[in-house]
């Protein structure tokens, strides 16, 4: 039987991560939107990097579209989006490779990890590519790839290919 203390202990990591995500967005993009200031690509880089960390779920594609519509340099914005995403996913991979399963299980939940692990075992690099191409939880896939000791070069290559194509499509559409 779950006591109130146990329930709080289960939701506390989620609440802390949600507070971190809200703080990051508020201090970067939020300040620019509400202050009617010119958009700063450094704040986009911070939000995009943070959004690709497995423990923070943020709508990075929406931030990309926001900055794209604000008149930011298209080439620089795409370069920042892809480079910060790859840097964060590199970190996700190594966190998965070196941290305890129990710590990661508490942060993202067993169901999300198991689903990602199944996808990698079943589809391998294709799953990594598709999860990066679509607005799915690609950081969790890289985390699982690290935990499964999937080859880093392959994981990053297919991540890069998916991210390049995703941001190219978004740029063309918007």
Protein backbone atom coordinates (compact mmCIF):
# COMPACT_ATOMS: atom_id res chain seq x y z
CA UNK A 1 0.00 0.00 0.00
CA UNK A 2 1.38 3.40 -0.99
CA UNK A 3 1.59 5.96 1.75
CA UNK A 4 1.43 9.69 0.92
CA UNK A 5 5.19 9.84 1.52
CA UNK A 6 5.84 7.09 -1.03
CA UNK A 7 3.59 8.80 -3.59
CA UNK A 8 5.44 12.08 -3.08
CA UNK A 9 8.75 10.26 -3.41
CA UNK A 10 7.57 8.83 -6.77
CA UNK A 11 6.42 12.17 -8.23
CA UNK A 12 9.18 14.35 -6.80
CA UNK A 13 11.74 13.66 -9.59
CA UNK A 14 9.11 14.54 -12.21
CA UNK A 15 8.21 17.77 -10.41
CA UNK A 16 11.87 18.79 -10.11
CA UNK A 17 12.51 18.11 -13.81
CA UNK A 18 9.35 19.97 -14.83
CA UNK A 19 10.43 22.94 -12.71
CA UNK A 20 13.86 22.87 -14.39
CA UNK A 21 12.29 22.83 -17.86
CA UNK A 22 9.93 25.69 -17.01
CA UNK A 23 12.79 27.72 -15.54
CA UNK A 24 15.00 27.20 -18.59
CA UNK A 25 12.25 28.25 -20.99
CA UNK A 26 11.20 31.18 -18.82
CA UNK A 27 14.72 32.55 -18.49
CA UNK A 28 15.46 32.27 -22.21
CA UNK A 29 12.62 32.33 -24.72
CA UNK A 30 10.03 33.52 -22.21
CA UNK A 31 11.98 36.68 -21.42
CA UNK A 32 12.30 37.47 -25.10
CA UNK A 33 8.64 36.87 -25.91
CA UNK A 34 7.21 38.81 -22.99
CA UNK A 35 9.84 41.54 -23.12
CA UNK A 36 9.32 42.04 -26.87
CA UNK A 37 13.06 41.94 -27.29
CA UNK A 38 14.97 40.74 -30.31
CA UNK A 39 15.45 37.00 -30.22
CA UNK A 40 18.84 35.83 -29.04
CA UNK A 41 20.23 32.66 -30.62
CA UNK A 42 22.09 31.84 -27.41
CA UNK A 43 18.76 31.34 -25.67
CA UNK A 44 17.64 29.08 -28.53
CA UNK A 45 20.84 27.05 -28.17
CA UNK A 46 20.26 26.64 -24.42
CA UNK A 47 16.63 25.58 -24.88
CA UNK A 48 17.45 23.23 -27.76
CA UNK A 49 20.33 21.58 -25.89
CA UNK A 50 18.16 21.20 -22.79
CA UNK A 51 15.27 19.81 -24.80
CA UNK A 52 17.45 17.03 -26.18
CA UNK A 53 18.55 15.86 -22.75
CA UNK A 54 16.59 12.72 -21.89
CA UNK A 55 15.30 13.99 -18.55
CA UNK A 56 13.80 17.26 -19.85
CA UNK A 57 10.89 17.09 -22.25
CA UNK A 58 10.60 20.33 -24.17
CA UNK A 59 8.98 21.19 -27.51
CA UNK A 60 12.23 22.05 -29.29
CA UNK A 61 10.62 21.95 -32.73
CA UNK A 62 8.22 24.72 -31.67
CA UNK A 63 11.12 26.83 -30.41
CA UNK A 64 12.85 26.28 -33.76
CA UNK A 65 9.76 27.45 -35.66
CA UNK A 66 9.42 30.46 -33.33
CA UNK A 67 12.99 31.57 -34.03
CA UNK A 68 12.64 30.78 -37.73
CA UNK A 69 9.56 33.02 -37.93
CA UNK A 70 11.31 35.78 -35.98
CA UNK A 71 13.75 36.28 -38.84
CA UNK A 72 16.79 34.52 -37.43
CA UNK A 73 19.50 33.50 -39.89
CA UNK A 74 18.21 30.21 -41.34
CA UNK A 75 21.63 28.61 -41.79
CA UNK A 76 22.87 29.58 -38.35
CA UNK A 77 19.62 28.47 -36.73
CA UNK A 78 19.80 25.07 -38.45
CA UNK A 79 23.46 24.68 -37.50
CA UNK A 80 22.68 25.53 -33.87
CA UNK A 81 19.68 23.20 -33.77
CA UNK A 82 21.59 20.22 -35.11
CA UNK A 83 24.85 20.82 -33.22
CA UNK A 84 23.20 21.37 -29.82
CA UNK A 85 20.93 18.36 -30.36
CA UNK A 86 23.90 16.12 -31.24
CA UNK A 87 25.89 17.41 -28.25
CA UNK A 88 22.99 16.67 -25.89
CA UNK A 89 22.41 13.23 -27.42
CA UNK A 90 26.12 12.45 -27.09
CA UNK A 91 25.70 13.22 -23.40
CA UNK A 92 22.52 11.09 -23.25
CA UNK A 93 24.40 8.17 -24.81
CA UNK A 94 27.21 8.35 -22.25
CA UNK A 95 24.81 8.77 -19.34
CA UNK A 96 23.09 5.58 -20.52
CA UNK A 97 26.41 3.83 -20.89
CA UNK A 98 27.82 4.66 -17.47
CA UNK A 99 24.94 5.26 -15.05
CA UNK A 100 23.01 2.67 -13.12
CA UNK A 101 19.79 1.35 -14.63
CA UNK A 102 18.00 2.11 -11.36
CA UNK A 103 18.91 5.80 -11.46
CA UNK A 104 17.76 6.13 -15.06
CA UNK A 105 14.62 4.11 -14.35
CA UNK A 106 13.64 6.64 -11.67
CA UNK A 107 14.23 9.58 -14.00
CA UNK A 108 12.39 8.45 -17.15
CA UNK A 109 10.33 5.48 -16.01
CA UNK A 110 10.67 1.83 -16.85
CA UNK A 111 7.99 1.90 -19.56
CA UNK A 112 9.71 4.61 -21.66
CA UNK A 113 13.10 2.93 -21.30
CA UNK A 114 11.76 -0.55 -22.12
CA UNK A 115 9.97 0.79 -25.20
CA UNK A 116 13.14 2.51 -26.43
CA UNK A 117 15.23 -0.59 -25.74
CA UNK A 118 12.79 -2.77 -27.67
CA UNK A 119 12.86 -0.40 -30.64
CA UNK A 120 16.67 -0.38 -30.76
CA UNK A 121 16.96 -4.14 -30.44
CA UNK A 122 14.29 -4.70 -33.08
CA UNK A 123 15.12 -1.97 -35.60
CA UNK A 124 18.59 -0.70 -34.61
CA UNK A 125 19.83 2.30 -36.54
CA UNK A 126 16.55 2.75 -38.40
CA UNK A 127 14.81 3.41 -35.06
CA UNK A 128 17.45 5.99 -34.14
CA UNK A 129 17.00 7.71 -37.52
CA UNK A 130 13.17 7.74 -37.35
CA UNK A 131 13.05 8.91 -33.73
CA UNK A 132 15.31 11.83 -34.67
CA UNK A 133 13.39 12.60 -37.86
CA UNK A 134 10.03 12.76 -36.11
CA UNK A 135 9.20 14.76 -32.97
CA UNK A 136 9.50 11.64 -30.83
CA UNK A 137 11.60 11.08 -27.76
CA UNK A 138 14.94 10.70 -29.53
CA UNK A 139 16.99 11.47 -26.39
CA UNK A 140 15.55 8.38 -24.70
CA UNK A 141 16.53 6.30 -27.73
CA UNK A 142 20.14 7.49 -27.43
CA UNK A 143 20.06 6.83 -23.70
CA UNK A 144 18.87 3.28 -24.39
CA UNK A 145 21.50 2.90 -27.13
CA UNK A 146 24.16 3.79 -24.57
CA UNK A 147 22.75 1.33 -22.05
CA UNK A 148 22.77 -1.40 -24.71
CA UNK A 149 26.35 -0.48 -25.69
CA UNK A 150 25.21 0.24 -29.27
CA UNK A 151 28.07 1.56 -31.43
CA UNK A 152 28.44 5.29 -30.74
CA UNK A 153 29.52 6.26 -34.27
CA UNK A 154 26.49 4.57 -35.80
CA UNK A 155 24.11 6.03 -33.24
CA UNK A 156 25.41 9.56 -33.79
CA UNK A 157 25.49 9.17 -37.58
CA UNK A 158 21.84 8.10 -37.76
CA UNK A 159 20.87 10.77 -35.22
CA UNK A 160 22.62 13.40 -37.31
CA UNK A 161 20.94 12.20 -40.50
CA UNK A 162 17.49 12.27 -38.89
CA UNK A 163 18.04 15.68 -37.31
CA UNK A 164 19.36 17.23 -40.54
CA UNK A 165 16.36 15.97 -42.47
CA UNK A 166 13.88 17.03 -39.75
CA UNK A 167 15.17 20.58 -39.52
CA UNK A 168 15.44 20.87 -43.30
CA UNK A 169 11.78 19.85 -43.65
CA UNK A 170 10.70 22.27 -40.91
CA UNK A 171 12.69 25.07 -42.58
CA UNK A 172 11.05 24.38 -45.94
CA UNK A 173 7.55 24.18 -44.49
CA UNK A 174 7.84 27.33 -42.38
